Amino acid sequence: MSFNCSNDNDELNNNSQQIAQIESVAKSGTWRITNFNDSGQDETADFAGYTFSFNNDGTLVATNGTNTVNGTWSITNDDSSDDDNSNDDIDFNISFPVPETNDFEDLNDDWDIVSASSTKIELIDISGGNGGTDMLTFEK
């Protein structure tokens, strides 16, 4: 029994380290969306010209010089992921409080992390309802 508890603690500690690393990467500078695929539809152009800042206080700011859209972001533990990848216990949460008709509403999700480096963050979400796959990539 204590063996299982130990494994759980190791996994939590490992996730905490990964979360801290990914948070640090996200907060370092501004990002742009280089790929947004919404269930097979390429909607990358909807975010052309926008830069995204993941701030220390959990705010997320997207601006294109004329328009600014404010939201929130966080990275959290989640052991109920649908995807098979090394970071599937960690969610990259994005929330923009906008109407459903706004393009930024499509970004609202608890994304699974495919990969994260100093210049690229790749996210994926598999919809429980229709089984569609959404992919979102931020790059510097």
Protein backbone atom coordinates (compact mmCIF):
# COMPACT_ATOMS: atom_id res chain seq x y z
CA MET A 1 0.00 0.00 0.00
CA SER A 2 2.72 2.49 0.87
CA PHE A 3 4.38 1.62 -2.44
CA ASN A 4 1.35 3.00 -4.30
CA CYS A 5 1.32 6.14 -2.17
CA SER A 6 5.01 6.64 -2.86
CA ASN A 7 4.42 6.35 -6.60
CA ASP A 8 1.57 8.86 -6.39
CA ASN A 9 3.83 11.31 -4.56
CA ASP A 10 6.62 10.83 -7.09
CA GLU A 11 4.17 11.49 -9.91
CA LEU A 12 2.83 14.60 -8.20
CA ASN A 13 6.36 15.90 -7.58
CA ASN A 14 7.30 15.22 -11.20
CA ASN A 15 4.14 16.99 -12.41
CA SER A 16 4.88 19.95 -10.13
CA GLN A 17 8.34 20.27 -11.67
CA GLN A 18 6.94 19.98 -15.21
CA ILE A 19 4.22 22.53 -14.43
CA ALA A 20 6.80 24.99 -13.08
CA GLN A 21 9.00 24.52 -16.16
CA ILE A 22 6.12 24.99 -18.61
CA GLU A 23 4.82 28.03 -16.69
CA SER A 24 8.30 29.56 -16.87
CA VAL A 25 8.47 28.96 -20.62
CA ALA A 26 5.00 30.43 -21.23
CA LYS A 27 5.75 33.57 -19.19
CA SER A 28 8.99 34.28 -21.08
CA GLY A 29 8.09 36.80 -23.74
CA THR A 30 5.28 37.07 -26.25
CA TRP A 31 3.85 34.32 -28.43
CA ARG A 32 1.88 34.05 -31.64
CA ILE A 33 -0.44 31.31 -32.85
CA THR A 34 1.19 29.47 -35.76
CA ASN A 35 -1.40 26.69 -35.94
CA PHE A 36 -4.99 26.46 -34.81
CA ASN A 37 -6.91 23.52 -36.20
CA ASP A 38 -10.50 23.25 -34.97
CA SER A 39 -11.76 19.71 -35.70
CA GLY A 40 -10.09 19.65 -39.12
CA GLN A 41 -10.70 23.32 -39.98
CA ASP A 42 -7.57 25.50 -40.21
CA GLU A 43 -8.52 28.67 -38.33
CA THR A 44 -4.98 29.99 -37.77
CA ALA A 45 -5.75 33.13 -39.79
CA ASP A 46 -8.37 34.18 -37.18
CA PHE A 47 -5.46 35.12 -34.90
CA ALA A 48 -3.07 36.63 -37.47
CA GLY A 49 -1.29 39.69 -36.10
CA TYR A 50 -2.07 38.87 -32.45
CA THR A 51 0.61 38.41 -29.84
CA PHE A 52 -0.15 36.58 -26.61
CA SER A 53 1.37 37.33 -23.20
CA PHE A 54 1.03 34.76 -20.41
CA ASN A 55 1.51 36.93 -17.32
CA ASN A 56 2.72 36.03 -13.82
CA ASP A 57 -0.64 36.95 -12.27
CA GLY A 58 -2.56 34.44 -14.41
CA THR A 59 -3.83 36.99 -16.91
CA LEU A 60 -3.58 36.30 -20.62
CA VAL A 61 -3.46 39.27 -22.97
CA ALA A 62 -3.85 39.03 -26.75
CA THR A 63 -3.30 42.17 -28.78
CA ASN A 64 -2.82 43.10 -32.41
CA GLY A 65 -2.03 46.76 -31.76
CA THR A 66 -5.65 47.83 -32.26
CA ASN A 67 -7.69 45.26 -30.36
CA THR A 68 -6.89 43.73 -27.00
CA VAL A 69 -8.58 40.63 -25.62
CA ASN A 70 -8.07 39.79 -21.94
CA GLY A 71 -8.37 36.34 -20.45
CA THR A 72 -6.79 33.99 -17.94
CA TRP A 73 -4.46 31.01 -18.10
CA SER A 74 -3.14 28.34 -15.77
CA ILE A 75 -1.40 25.00 -15.82
CA THR A 76 -2.87 22.35 -13.56
CA ASN A 77 -2.69 18.66 -12.70
CA ASP A 78 -5.31 16.49 -14.37
CA ASP A 79 -5.28 12.72 -14.28
CA SER A 80 -8.38 12.26 -16.46
CA SER A 81 -6.79 13.11 -19.79
CA ASP A 82 -7.93 11.52 -23.05
CA ASP A 83 -4.58 11.70 -24.80
CA ASP A 84 -1.57 9.41 -24.79
CA ASN A 85 1.45 11.64 -24.36
CA SER A 86 4.09 12.27 -21.73
CA ASN A 87 2.41 15.37 -20.33
CA ASP A 88 -1.12 13.99 -20.28
CA ASP A 89 -1.53 14.60 -16.56
CA ILE A 90 -1.06 18.34 -17.04
CA ASP A 91 -3.62 20.76 -18.49
CA PHE A 92 -2.87 24.12 -20.10
CA ASN A 93 -6.05 26.07 -19.31
CA ILE A 94 -7.08 29.05 -21.44
CA SER A 95 -10.17 31.16 -20.81
CA PHE A 96 -11.32 34.28 -22.63
CA PRO A 97 -14.66 35.65 -21.30
CA VAL A 98 -16.09 36.44 -24.74
CA PRO A 99 -19.36 35.60 -26.53
CA GLU A 100 -19.55 32.22 -28.29
CA THR A 101 -19.45 34.01 -31.65
CA ASN A 102 -16.00 35.50 -30.89
CA ASP A 103 -13.00 33.69 -32.43
CA PHE A 104 -11.22 33.73 -29.06
CA GLU A 105 -13.98 31.54 -27.58
CA ASP A 106 -12.56 28.67 -29.65
CA LEU A 107 -9.35 28.84 -27.60
CA ASN A 108 -11.18 28.29 -24.30
CA ASP A 109 -10.30 24.80 -23.12
CA ASP A 110 -8.25 22.65 -20.80
CA TRP A 111 -5.66 21.72 -23.42
CA ASP A 112 -3.30 18.76 -23.12
CA ILE A 113 0.35 19.57 -23.68
CA VAL A 114 2.00 17.77 -26.61
CA SER A 115 5.34 19.54 -26.20
CA ALA A 116 6.83 22.71 -24.75
CA SER A 117 10.17 24.30 -25.56
CA SER A 118 11.59 27.80 -25.23
CA THR A 119 10.19 28.69 -28.68
CA LYS A 120 7.13 26.44 -29.17
CA ILE A 121 4.16 25.20 -27.14
CA GLU A 122 2.01 22.54 -28.82
CA LEU A 123 -1.42 21.76 -27.36
CA ILE A 124 -4.17 19.28 -28.27
CA ASP A 125 -7.74 18.64 -27.22
CA ILE A 126 -9.89 15.67 -28.15
CA SER A 127 -13.55 16.50 -27.78
CA GLY A 128 -15.56 14.10 -25.68
CA GLY A 129 -18.73 14.92 -27.59
CA ASN A 130 -17.93 14.60 -31.28
CA GLY A 131 -14.45 13.12 -31.02
CA GLY A 132 -13.01 16.02 -33.02
CA THR A 133 -9.37 16.91 -32.43
CA ASP A 134 -8.30 20.53 -31.92
CA MET A 135 -4.65 21.52 -32.18
CA LEU A 136 -3.13 24.79 -31.02
CA THR A 137 0.50 25.87 -31.43
CA PHE A 138 2.10 28.99 -29.94
CA GLU A 139 5.55 30.04 -31.18
CA LYS A 140 7.94 32.91 -30.58
